[in-house]
Amino acid sequence: MQVIIQVACSGGRSMRDLIAHDPKLDDYGLILSETKRSTRPRGWTKLHGSYREGLPGAINVQWDAASRVLLCRVITKSHNAGPLAGRLVGYLLSRHRLRLQAVHIVYSRR
């Protein structure tokens, strides 16, 4: 299952970069797993949910600087991506609320 979260942001530094370097990311049950790989394009980060908190799955995060949009794809093997997507939205609202202009959530079955 896949949930796509599009976040329109105000100008400033890359939101993906802010998320990747946030020391409080672990407090929200989100674990940074990768930021760069030679076979992937620039500007992406991969997060995982904490299994000890019951948040299986991965989140692929991309930043489009031209449109100031953060695109997050929450991917799980189970039929319930809600807890992980909710944790991500809660993190964004708690830590980056001044930059957020709109949050659009799209549910998609893969």
PDB file of N, CA and C in Angstrom:
ATOM      1  N   MET A   1       0.836  -1.169   0.000  1.00  0.00           N
ATOM      2  CA  MET A   1       0.000   0.000   0.000  1.00  0.00           C
ATOM      3  C   MET A   1       0.884   1.236   0.000  1.00  0.00           C
ATOM      4  N   GLN A   2       0.384   2.302  -0.563  1.00  0.00           N
ATOM      5  CA  GLN A   2       1.160   3.527  -0.671  1.00  0.00           C
ATOM      6  C   GLN A   2       0.286   4.734  -0.342  1.00  0.00           C
ATOM      7  N   VAL A   3       0.839   5.632   0.439  1.00  0.00           N
ATOM      8  CA  VAL A   3       0.202   6.909   0.729  1.00  0.00           C
ATOM      9  C   VAL A   3       1.171   7.993   0.270  1.00  0.00           C
ATOM     10  N   ILE A   4       0.676   8.926  -0.507  1.00  0.00           N
ATOM     11  CA  ILE A   4       1.512  10.021  -0.991  1.00  0.00           C
ATOM     12  C   ILE A   4       1.123  11.284  -0.233  1.00  0.00           C
ATOM     13  N   ILE A   5       2.116  11.929   0.334  1.00  0.00           N
ATOM     14  CA  ILE A   5       1.893  13.166   1.088  1.00  0.00           C
ATOM     15  C   ILE A   5       2.664  14.271   0.388  1.00  0.00           C
ATOM     16  N   GLN A   6       1.927  15.247  -0.140  1.00  0.00           N
ATOM     17  CA  GLN A   6       2.540  16.412  -0.788  1.00  0.00           C
ATOM     18  C   GLN A   6       2.428  17.583   0.174  1.00  0.00           C
ATOM     19  N   VAL A   7       3.553  18.256   0.401  1.00  0.00           N
ATOM     20  CA  VAL A   7       3.570  19.370   1.338  1.00  0.00           C
ATOM     21  C   VAL A   7       4.076  20.603   0.604  1.00  0.00           C
ATOM     22  N   ALA A   8       3.226  21.617   0.469  1.00  0.00           N
ATOM     23  CA  ALA A   8       3.638  22.899  -0.104  1.00  0.00           C
ATOM     24  C   ALA A   8       4.271  23.713   1.018  1.00  0.00           C
ATOM     25  N   CYS A   9       5.452  24.257   0.753  1.00  0.00           N
ATOM     26  CA  CYS A   9       6.218  24.949   1.790  1.00  0.00           C
ATOM     27  C   CYS A   9       6.539  26.377   1.370  1.00  0.00           C
ATOM     28  N   SER A  10       6.819  27.192   2.358  1.00  0.00           N
ATOM     29  CA  SER A  10       7.298  28.542   2.074  1.00  0.00           C
ATOM     30  C   SER A  10       8.771  28.455   1.691  1.00  0.00           C
ATOM     31  N   GLY A  11       9.318  29.537   1.185  1.00  0.00           N
ATOM     32  CA  GLY A  11      10.709  29.551   0.744  1.00  0.00           C
ATOM     33  C   GLY A  11      11.687  29.314   1.874  1.00  0.00           C
ATOM     34  N   GLY A  12      12.885  28.955   1.499  1.00  0.00           N
ATOM     35  CA  GLY A  12      13.925  28.700   2.489  1.00  0.00           C
ATOM     36  C   GLY A  12      14.726  27.463   2.132  1.00  0.00           C
ATOM     37  N   ARG A  13      15.422  26.962   3.113  1.00  0.00           N
ATOM     38  CA  ARG A  13      16.273  25.793   2.957  1.00  0.00           C
ATOM     39  C   ARG A  13      15.455  24.550   2.589  1.00  0.00           C
ATOM     40  N   SER A  14      16.101  23.581   1.986  1.00  0.00           N
ATOM     41  CA  SER A  14      15.451  22.342   1.586  1.00  0.00           C
ATOM     42  C   SER A  14      14.805  21.646   2.777  1.00  0.00           C
ATOM     43  N   MET A  15      13.517  21.356   2.678  1.00  0.00           N
ATOM     44  CA  MET A  15      12.829  20.645   3.755  1.00  0.00           C
ATOM     45  C   MET A  15      13.376  19.226   3.896  1.00  0.00           C
ATOM     46  N   ARG A  16      13.726  18.597   2.796  1.00  0.00           N
ATOM     47  CA  ARG A  16      14.301  17.262   2.862  1.00  0.00           C
ATOM     48  C   ARG A  16      15.600  17.277   3.661  1.00  0.00           C
ATOM     49  N   ASP A  17      16.409  18.293   3.432  1.00  0.00           N
ATOM     50  CA  ASP A  17      17.669  18.430   4.148  1.00  0.00           C
ATOM     51  C   ASP A  17      17.423  18.694   5.640  1.00  0.00           C
ATOM     52  N   LEU A  18      16.432  19.506   5.950  1.00  0.00           N
ATOM     53  CA  LEU A  18      16.099  19.765   7.351  1.00  0.00           C
ATOM     54  C   LEU A  18      15.648  18.492   8.059  1.00  0.00           C
ATOM     55  N   ILE A  19      14.864  17.683   7.372  1.00  0.00           N
ATOM     56  CA  ILE A  19      14.392  16.425   7.955  1.00  0.00           C
ATOM     57  C   ILE A  19      15.569  15.464   8.147  1.00  0.00           C
ATOM     58  N   ALA A  20      16.424  15.357   7.140  1.00  0.00           N
ATOM     59  CA  ALA A  20      17.545  14.414   7.202  1.00  0.00           C
ATOM     60  C   ALA A  20      18.530  14.752   8.308  1.00  0.00           C
ATOM     61  N   HIS A  21      18.630  16.017   8.681  1.00  0.00           N
ATOM     62  CA  HIS A  21      19.598  16.429   9.702  1.00  0.00           C
ATOM     63  C   HIS A  21      18.946  16.820  11.027  1.00  0.00           C
ATOM     64  N   ASP A  22      17.708  16.428  11.222  1.00  0.00           N
ATOM     65  CA  ASP A  22      16.999  16.762  12.462  1.00  0.00           C
ATOM     66  C   ASP A  22      17.364  15.752  13.558  1.00  0.00           C
ATOM     67  N   PRO A  23      17.979  16.206  14.647  1.00  0.00           N
ATOM     68  CA  PRO A  23      18.351  15.273  15.716  1.00  0.00           C
ATOM     69  C   PRO A  23      17.151  14.710  16.478  1.00  0.00           C
ATOM     70  N   LYS A  24      15.986  15.309  16.364  1.00  0.00           N
ATOM     71  CA  LYS A  24      14.800  14.849  17.081  1.00  0.00           C
ATOM     72  C   LYS A  24      13.921  13.912  16.255  1.00  0.00           C
ATOM     73  N   LEU A  25      14.389  13.488  15.095  1.00  0.00           N
ATOM     74  CA  LEU A  25      13.625  12.599  14.227  1.00  0.00           C
ATOM     75  C   LEU A  25      13.286  11.288  14.940  1.00  0.00           C
ATOM     76  N   ASP A  26      14.223  10.763  15.711  1.00  0.00           N
ATOM     77  CA  ASP A  26      13.998   9.508  16.444  1.00  0.00           C
ATOM     78  C   ASP A  26      12.884   9.636  17.478  1.00  0.00           C
ATOM     79  N   ASP A  27      12.666  10.821  17.999  1.00  0.00           N
ATOM     80  CA  ASP A  27      11.607  11.026  18.998  1.00  0.00           C
ATOM     81  C   ASP A  27      10.222  10.754  18.419  1.00  0.00           C
ATOM     82  N   TYR A  28      10.085  10.797  17.109  1.00  0.00           N
ATOM     83  CA  TYR A  28       8.808  10.582  16.436  1.00  0.00           C
ATOM     84  C   TYR A  28       8.694   9.179  15.846  1.00  0.00           C
ATOM     85  N   GLY A  29       9.630   8.289  16.188  1.00  0.00           N
ATOM     86  CA  GLY A  29       9.593   6.922  15.687  1.00  0.00           C
ATOM     87  C   GLY A  29      10.026   6.798  14.249  1.00  0.00           C
ATOM     88  N   LEU A  30      10.743   7.791  13.727  1.00  0.00           N
ATOM     89  CA  LEU A  30      11.231   7.776  12.349  1.00  0.00           C
ATOM     90  C   LEU A  30      12.752   7.658  12.370  1.00  0.00           C
ATOM     91  N   ILE A  31      13.275   6.768  11.534  1.00  0.00           N
ATOM     92  CA  ILE A  31      14.705   6.491  11.516  1.00  0.00           C
ATOM     93  C   ILE A  31      15.253   6.798  10.124  1.00  0.00           C
ATOM     94  N   LEU A  32      16.284   7.631  10.065  1.00  0.00           N
ATOM     95  CA  LEU A  32      16.948   7.947   8.797  1.00  0.00           C
ATOM     96  C   LEU A  32      17.766   6.734   8.376  1.00  0.00           C
ATOM     97  N   SER A  33      17.508   6.210   7.175  1.00  0.00           N
ATOM     98  CA  SER A  33      18.258   5.033   6.736  1.00  0.00           C
ATOM     99  C   SER A  33      19.229   5.344   5.596  1.00  0.00           C
ATOM    100  N   GLU A  34      18.864   6.228   4.683  1.00  0.00           N
ATOM    101  CA  GLU A  34      19.752   6.568   3.561  1.00  0.00           C
ATOM    102  C   GLU A  34      19.524   8.013   3.134  1.00  0.00           C
ATOM    103  N   THR A  35      20.589   8.644   2.663  1.00  0.00           N
ATOM    104  CA  THR A  35      20.434   9.965   2.070  1.00  0.00           C
ATOM    105  C   THR A  35      21.004  10.024   0.664  1.00  0.00           C
ATOM    106  N   LYS A  36      21.985   9.198   0.349  1.00  0.00           N
ATOM    107  CA  LYS A  36      22.555   9.237  -0.994  1.00  0.00           C
ATOM    108  C   LYS A  36      22.919   7.838  -1.451  1.00  0.00           C
ATOM    109  N   ARG A  37      22.704   7.600  -2.714  1.00  0.00           N
ATOM    110  CA  ARG A  37      23.152   6.371  -3.367  1.00  0.00           C
ATOM    111  C   ARG A  37      23.478   6.751  -4.800  1.00  0.00           C
ATOM    112  N   SER A  38      24.552   6.218  -5.331  1.00  0.00           N
ATOM    113  CA  SER A  38      25.022   6.642  -6.656  1.00  0.00           C
ATOM    114  C   SER A  38      24.015   6.352  -7.764  1.00  0.00           C
ATOM    115  N   THR A  39      23.144   5.369  -7.580  1.00  0.00           N
ATOM    116  CA  THR A  39      22.187   5.029  -8.636  1.00  0.00           C
ATOM    117  C   THR A  39      20.901   5.841  -8.573  1.00  0.00           C
ATOM    118  N   ARG A  40      20.774   6.699  -7.581  1.00  0.00           N
ATOM    119  CA  ARG A  40      19.542   7.483  -7.431  1.00  0.00           C
ATOM    120  C   ARG A  40      19.821   8.963  -7.676  1.00  0.00           C
ATOM    121  N   PRO A  41      18.785   9.716  -8.063  1.00  0.00           N
ATOM    122  CA  PRO A  41      18.980  11.149  -8.298  1.00  0.00           C
ATOM    123  C   PRO A  41      19.201  11.913  -6.999  1.00  0.00           C
ATOM    124  N   ARG A  42      19.706  13.115  -7.134  1.00  0.00           N
ATOM    125  CA  ARG A  42      19.930  13.970  -5.969  1.00  0.00           C
ATOM    126  C   ARG A  42      18.601  14.344  -5.328  1.00  0.00           C
ATOM    127  N   GLY A  43      18.676  14.778  -4.086  1.00  0.00           N
ATOM    128  CA  GLY A  43      17.505  15.323  -3.428  1.00  0.00           C
ATOM    129  C   GLY A  43      16.529  14.301  -2.906  1.00  0.00           C
ATOM    130  N   TRP A  44      16.956  13.142  -2.451  1.00  0.00           N
ATOM    131  CA  TRP A  44      16.049  12.155  -1.899  1.00  0.00           C
ATOM    132  C   TRP A  44      16.615  11.635  -0.586  1.00  0.00           C
ATOM    133  N   THR A  45      15.731  11.164   0.258  1.00  0.00           N
ATOM    134  CA  THR A  45      16.080  10.581   1.543  1.00  0.00           C
ATOM    135  C   THR A  45      15.119   9.434   1.807  1.00  0.00           C
ATOM    136  N   LYS A  46      15.591   8.413   2.497  1.00  0.00           N
ATOM    137  CA  LYS A  46      14.733   7.290   2.875  1.00  0.00           C
ATOM    138  C   LYS A  46      14.678   7.205   4.392  1.00  0.00           C
ATOM    139  N   LEU A  47      13.453   7.166   4.904  1.00  0.00           N
ATOM    140  CA  LEU A  47      13.211   6.988   6.332  1.00  0.00           C
ATOM    141  C   LEU A  47      12.520   5.644   6.533  1.00  0.00           C
ATOM    142  N   HIS A  48      12.672   5.079   7.708  1.00  0.00           N
ATOM    143  CA  HIS A  48      11.940   3.876   8.087  1.00  0.00           C
ATOM    144  C   HIS A  48      11.217   4.149   9.395  1.00  0.00           C
ATOM    145  N   GLY A  49      10.112   3.457   9.579  1.00  0.00           N
ATOM    146  CA  GLY A  49       9.408   3.519  10.845  1.00  0.00           C
ATOM    147  C   GLY A  49      10.072   2.596  11.843  1.00  0.00           C
ATOM    148  N   SER A  50       9.925   2.911  13.106  1.00  0.00           N
ATOM    149  CA  SER A  50      10.513   2.111  14.165  1.00  0.00           C
ATOM    150  C   SER A  50       9.658   0.862  14.409  1.00  0.00           C
ATOM    151  N   TYR A  51      10.271  -0.317  14.270  1.00  0.00           N
ATOM    152  CA  TYR A  51       9.528  -1.562  14.499  1.00  0.00           C
ATOM    153  C   TYR A  51       9.152  -1.716  15.964  1.00  0.00           C
ATOM    154  N   ARG A  52       9.977  -1.200  16.871  1.00  0.00           N
ATOM    155  CA  ARG A  52       9.643  -1.328  18.292  1.00  0.00           C
ATOM    156  C   ARG A  52       8.434  -0.484  18.661  1.00  0.00           C
ATOM    157  N   GLU A  53       8.114   0.498  17.855  1.00  0.00           N
ATOM    158  CA  GLU A  53       6.912   1.307  18.076  1.00  0.00           C
ATOM    159  C   GLU A  53       5.756   0.860  17.187  1.00  0.00           C
ATOM    160  N   GLY A  54       5.936  -0.248  16.473  1.00  0.00           N
ATOM    161  CA  GLY A  54       4.876  -0.781  15.628  1.00  0.00           C
ATOM    162  C   GLY A  54       4.628   0.024  14.367  1.00  0.00           C
ATOM    163  N   LEU A  55       5.687   0.564  13.775  1.00  0.00           N
ATOM    164  CA  LEU A  55       5.571   1.377  12.567  1.00  0.00           C
ATOM    165  C   LEU A  55       6.386   0.773  11.426  1.00  0.00           C
ATOM    166  N   PRO A  56       5.981  -0.386  10.910  1.00  0.00           N
ATOM    167  CA  PRO A  56       6.737  -0.969   9.798  1.00  0.00           C
ATOM    168  C   PRO A  56       6.497  -0.193   8.512  1.00  0.00           C
ATOM    169  N   GLY A  57       7.518  -0.134   7.686  1.00  0.00           N
ATOM    170  CA  GLY A  57       7.381   0.528   6.398  1.00  0.00           C
ATOM    171  C   GLY A  57       8.502   1.517   6.154  1.00  0.00           C
ATOM    172  N   ALA A  58       8.464   2.120   4.976  1.00  0.00           N
ATOM    173  CA  ALA A  58       9.490   3.072   4.570  1.00  0.00           C
ATOM    174  C   ALA A  58       8.830   4.334   4.035  1.00  0.00           C
ATOM    175  N   ILE A  59       9.579   5.424   4.096  1.00  0.00           N
ATOM    176  CA  ILE A  59       9.119   6.708   3.560  1.00  0.00           C
ATOM    177  C   ILE A  59      10.210   7.238   2.647  1.00  0.00           C
ATOM    178  N   ASN A  60       9.877   7.436   1.374  1.00  0.00           N
ATOM    179  CA  ASN A  60      10.796   8.061   0.429  1.00  0.00           C
ATOM    180  C   ASN A  60      10.455   9.539   0.369  1.00  0.00           C
ATOM    181  N   VAL A  61      11.456  10.378   0.619  1.00  0.00           N
ATOM    182  CA  VAL A  61      11.251  11.827   0.714  1.00  0.00           C
ATOM    183  C   VAL A  61      12.031  12.509  -0.404  1.00  0.00           C
ATOM    184  N   GLN A  62      11.347  13.351  -1.184  1.00  0.00           N
ATOM    185  CA  GLN A  62      11.993  14.127  -2.241  1.00  0.00           C
ATOM    186  C   GLN A  62      11.621  15.598  -2.078  1.00  0.00           C
ATOM    187  N   TRP A  63      12.536  16.477  -2.455  1.00  0.00           N
ATOM    188  CA  TRP A  63      12.315  17.915  -2.385  1.00  0.00           C
ATOM    189  C   TRP A  63      12.450  18.495  -3.775  1.00  0.00           C
ATOM    190  N   ASP A  64      11.438  19.237  -4.209  1.00  0.00           N
ATOM    191  CA  ASP A  64      11.496  19.956  -5.479  1.00  0.00           C
ATOM    192  C   ASP A  64      11.653  21.436  -5.144  1.00  0.00           C
ATOM    193  N   ALA A  65      12.861  21.944  -5.305  1.00  0.00           N
ATOM    194  CA  ALA A  65      13.173  23.318  -4.911  1.00  0.00           C
ATOM    195  C   ALA A  65      12.427  24.351  -5.750  1.00  0.00           C
ATOM    196  N   ALA A  66      12.237  24.075  -7.044  1.00  0.00           N
ATOM    197  CA  ALA A  66      11.587  25.037  -7.932  1.00  0.00           C
ATOM    198  C   ALA A  66      10.149  25.311  -7.504  1.00  0.00           C
ATOM    199  N   SER A  67       9.428  24.274  -7.126  1.00  0.00           N
ATOM    200  CA  SER A  67       8.028  24.455  -6.725  1.00  0.00           C
ATOM    201  C   SER A  67       7.851  24.488  -5.204  1.00  0.00           C
ATOM    202  N   ARG A  68       8.937  24.279  -4.454  1.00  0.00           N
ATOM    203  CA  ARG A  68       8.924  24.256  -2.978  1.00  0.00           C
ATOM    204  C   ARG A  68       7.916  23.228  -2.458  1.00  0.00           C
ATOM    205  N   VAL A  69       7.977  22.029  -3.026  1.00  0.00           N
ATOM    206  CA  VAL A  69       7.080  20.942  -2.634  1.00  0.00           C
ATOM    207  C   VAL A  69       7.898  19.771  -2.107  1.00  0.00           C
ATOM    208  N   LEU A  70       7.507  19.287  -0.948  1.00  0.00           N
ATOM    209  CA  LEU A  70       8.081  18.086  -0.364  1.00  0.00           C
ATOM    210  C   LEU A  70       7.149  16.937  -0.734  1.00  0.00           C
ATOM    211  N   LEU A  71       7.682  15.910  -1.371  1.00  0.00           N
ATOM    212  CA  LEU A  71       6.891  14.764  -1.778  1.00  0.00           C
ATOM    213  C   LEU A  71       7.351  13.548  -0.974  1.00  0.00           C
ATOM    214  N   CYS A  72       6.425  12.971  -0.216  1.00  0.00           N
ATOM    215  CA  CYS A  72       6.737  11.829   0.641  1.00  0.00           C
ATOM    216  C   CYS A  72       5.866  10.655   0.224  1.00  0.00           C
ATOM    217  N   ARG A  73       6.492   9.516  -0.055  1.00  0.00           N
ATOM    218  CA  ARG A  73       5.756   8.297  -0.391  1.00  0.00           C
ATOM    219  C   ARG A  73       5.917   7.331   0.767  1.00  0.00           C
ATOM    220  N   VAL A  74       4.822   7.024   1.440  1.00  0.00           N
ATOM    221  CA  VAL A  74       4.823   6.095   2.560  1.00  0.00           C
ATOM    222  C   VAL A  74       4.447   4.727   1.998  1.00  0.00           C
ATOM    223  N   ILE A  75       5.337   3.751   2.134  1.00  0.00           N
ATOM    224  CA  ILE A  75       5.141   2.445   1.532  1.00  0.00           C
ATOM    225  C   ILE A  75       5.197   1.370   2.614  1.00  0.00           C
ATOM    226  N   THR A  76       4.163   0.521   2.640  1.00  0.00           N
ATOM    227  CA  THR A  76       4.137  -0.606   3.561  1.00  0.00           C
ATOM    228  C   THR A  76       3.692  -1.853   2.815  1.00  0.00           C
ATOM    229  N   LYS A  77       4.055  -3.002   3.349  1.00  0.00           N
ATOM    230  CA  LYS A  77       3.593  -4.259   2.764  1.00  0.00           C
ATOM    231  C   LYS A  77       2.204  -4.611   3.281  1.00  0.00           C
ATOM    232  N   SER A  78       1.876  -4.122   4.457  1.00  0.00           N
ATOM    233  CA  SER A  78       0.559  -4.402   5.027  1.00  0.00           C
ATOM    234  C   SER A  78      -0.476  -3.460   4.414  1.00  0.00           C
ATOM    235  N   HIS A  79      -1.717  -3.620   4.817  1.00  0.00           N
ATOM    236  CA  HIS A  79      -2.794  -2.789   4.293  1.00  0.00           C
ATOM    237  C   HIS A  79      -3.009  -1.528   5.111  1.00  0.00           C
ATOM    238  N   ASN A  80      -2.140  -1.274   6.091  1.00  0.00           N
ATOM    239  CA  ASN A  80      -2.353  -0.136   6.969  1.00  0.00           C
ATOM    240  C   ASN A  80      -1.115   0.750   7.036  1.00  0.00           C
ATOM    241  N   ALA A  81      -1.058   1.745   6.179  1.00  0.00           N
ATOM    242  CA  ALA A  81       0.038   2.709   6.204  1.00  0.00           C
ATOM    243  C   ALA A  81      -0.324   3.912   7.065  1.00  0.00           C
ATOM    244  N   GLY A  82      -1.535   3.923   7.618  1.00  0.00           N
ATOM    245  CA  GLY A  82      -2.011   5.062   8.394  1.00  0.00           C
ATOM    246  C   GLY A  82      -1.143   5.461   9.573  1.00  0.00           C
ATOM    247  N   PRO A  83      -0.710   4.516  10.423  1.00  0.00           N
ATOM    248  CA  PRO A  83       0.110   4.913  11.568  1.00  0.00           C
ATOM    249  C   PRO A  83       1.427   5.577  11.169  1.00  0.00           C
ATOM    250  N   LEU A  84       2.088   5.037  10.149  1.00  0.00           N
ATOM    251  CA  LEU A  84       3.359   5.617   9.717  1.00  0.00           C
ATOM    252  C   LEU A  84       3.138   6.975   9.042  1.00  0.00           C
ATOM    253  N   ALA A  85       2.110   7.078   8.199  1.00  0.00           N
ATOM    254  CA  ALA A  85       1.796   8.359   7.553  1.00  0.00           C
ATOM    255  C   ALA A  85       1.396   9.394   8.605  1.00  0.00           C
ATOM    256  N   GLY A  86       0.615   8.968   9.592  1.00  0.00           N
ATOM    257  CA  GLY A  86       0.208   9.873  10.665  1.00  0.00           C
ATOM    258  C   GLY A  86       1.387  10.367  11.477  1.00  0.00           C
ATOM    259  N   ARG A  87       2.339   9.480  11.720  1.00  0.00           N
ATOM    260  CA  ARG A  87       3.535   9.874  12.468  1.00  0.00           C
ATOM    261  C   ARG A  87       4.340  10.902  11.690  1.00  0.00           C
ATOM    262  N   LEU A  88       4.437  10.721  10.362  1.00  0.00           N
ATOM    263  CA  LEU A  88       5.158  11.682   9.533  1.00  0.00           C
ATOM    264  C   LEU A  88       4.464  13.038   9.532  1.00  0.00           C
ATOM    265  N   VAL A  89       3.151  13.052   9.356  1.00  0.00           N
ATOM    266  CA  VAL A  89       2.408  14.318   9.356  1.00  0.00           C
ATOM    267  C   VAL A  89       2.515  14.988  10.728  1.00  0.00           C
ATOM    268  N   GLY A  90       2.422  14.197  11.794  1.00  0.00           N
ATOM    269  CA  GLY A  90       2.590  14.746  13.137  1.00  0.00           C
ATOM    270  C   GLY A  90       3.964  15.366  13.334  1.00  0.00           C
ATOM    271  N   TYR A  91       4.989  14.703  12.812  1.00  0.00           N
ATOM    272  CA  TYR A  91       6.348  15.237  12.882  1.00  0.00           C
ATOM    273  C   TYR A  91       6.444  16.569  12.136  1.00  0.00           C
ATOM    274  N   LEU A  92       5.913  16.597  10.904  1.00  0.00           N
ATOM    275  CA  LEU A  92       5.982  17.827  10.112  1.00  0.00           C
ATOM    276  C   LEU A  92       5.256  18.978  10.788  1.00  0.00           C
ATOM    277  N   LEU A  93       4.075  18.709  11.346  1.00  0.00           N
ATOM    278  CA  LEU A  93       3.307  19.759  12.014  1.00  0.00           C
ATOM    279  C   LEU A  93       3.973  20.219  13.303  1.00  0.00           C
ATOM    280  N   SER A  94       4.647  19.325  13.977  1.00  0.00           N
ATOM    281  CA  SER A  94       5.303  19.682  15.233  1.00  0.00           C
ATOM    282  C   SER A  94       6.612  20.423  15.024  1.00  0.00           C
ATOM    283  N   ARG A  95       7.421  19.945  14.105  1.00  0.00           N
ATOM    284  CA  ARG A  95       8.779  20.482  13.957  1.00  0.00           C
ATOM    285  C   ARG A  95       8.919  21.562  12.882  1.00  0.00           C
ATOM    286  N   HIS A  96       8.032  21.592  11.883  1.00  0.00           N
ATOM    287  CA  HIS A  96       8.213  22.507  10.744  1.00  0.00           C
ATOM    288  C   HIS A  96       6.948  23.290  10.410  1.00  0.00           C
ATOM    289  N   ARG A  97       6.091  23.502  11.370  1.00  0.00           N
ATOM    290  CA  ARG A  97       4.772  24.111  11.115  1.00  0.00           C
ATOM    291  C   ARG A  97       4.840  25.504  10.505  1.00  0.00           C
ATOM    292  N   LEU A  98       5.882  26.263  10.787  1.00  0.00           N
ATOM    293  CA  LEU A  98       5.973  27.617  10.238  1.00  0.00           C
ATOM    294  C   LEU A  98       6.250  27.620   8.734  1.00  0.00           C
ATOM    295  N   ARG A  99       6.833  26.547   8.211  1.00  0.00           N
ATOM    296  CA  ARG A  99       7.131  26.459   6.781  1.00  0.00           C
ATOM    297  C   ARG A  99       5.997  25.858   5.965  1.00  0.00           C
ATOM    298  N   LEU A 100       5.067  25.151   6.611  1.00  0.00           N
ATOM    299  CA  LEU A 100       4.022  24.437   5.888  1.00  0.00           C
ATOM    300  C   LEU A 100       2.925  25.389   5.431  1.00  0.00           C
ATOM    301  N   GLN A 101       2.518  25.257   4.180  1.00  0.00           N
ATOM    302  CA  GLN A 101       1.409  26.037   3.650  1.00  0.00           C
ATOM    303  C   GLN A 101       0.199  25.153   3.368  1.00  0.00           C
ATOM    304  N   ALA A 102       0.450  23.924   2.924  1.00  0.00           N
ATOM    305  CA  ALA A 102      -0.637  22.987   2.644  1.00  0.00           C
ATOM    306  C   ALA A 102      -0.091  21.568   2.717  1.00  0.00           C
ATOM    307  N   VAL A 103      -0.939  20.650   3.183  1.00  0.00           N
ATOM    308  CA  VAL A 103      -0.592  19.232   3.222  1.00  0.00           C
ATOM    309  C   VAL A 103      -1.696  18.483   2.478  1.00  0.00           C
ATOM    310  N   HIS A 104      -1.301  17.738   1.457  1.00  0.00           N
ATOM    311  CA  HIS A 104      -2.259  17.000   0.629  1.00  0.00           C
ATOM    312  C   HIS A 104      -1.905  15.515   0.728  1.00  0.00           C
ATOM    313  N   ILE A 105      -2.871  14.702   1.147  1.00  0.00           N
ATOM    314  CA  ILE A 105      -2.634  13.272   1.341  1.00  0.00           C
ATOM    315  C   ILE A 105      -3.462  12.479   0.334  1.00  0.00           C
ATOM    316  N   VAL A 106      -2.805  11.587  -0.406  1.00  0.00           N
ATOM    317  CA  VAL A 106      -3.456  10.779  -1.423  1.00  0.00           C
ATOM    318  C   VAL A 106      -3.223   9.304  -1.091  1.00  0.00           C
ATOM    319  N   TYR A 107      -4.280   8.535  -1.011  1.00  0.00           N
ATOM    320  CA  TYR A 107      -4.208   7.102  -0.760  1.00  0.00           C
ATOM    321  C   TYR A 107      -4.155   6.379  -2.090  1.00  0.00           C
ATOM    322  N   SER A 108      -3.256   5.429  -2.208  1.00  0.00           N
ATOM    323  CA  SER A 108      -3.102   4.712  -3.472  1.00  0.00           C
ATOM    324  C   SER A 108      -2.830   3.246  -3.188  1.00  0.00           C
ATOM    325  N   ARG A 109      -3.521   2.380  -3.890  1.00  0.00           N
ATOM    326  CA  ARG A 109      -3.227   0.941  -3.785  1.00  0.00           C
ATOM    327  C   ARG A 109      -2.275   0.582  -4.897  1.00  0.00           C
ATOM    328  N   ARG A 110      -1.234  -0.138  -4.567  1.00  0.00           N
ATOM    329  CA  ARG A 110      -0.242  -0.546  -5.566  1.00  0.00           C
ATOM    330  C   ARG A 110      -0.444  -1.951  -5.967  1.00  0.00           C
TER     331      ARG A 110
END
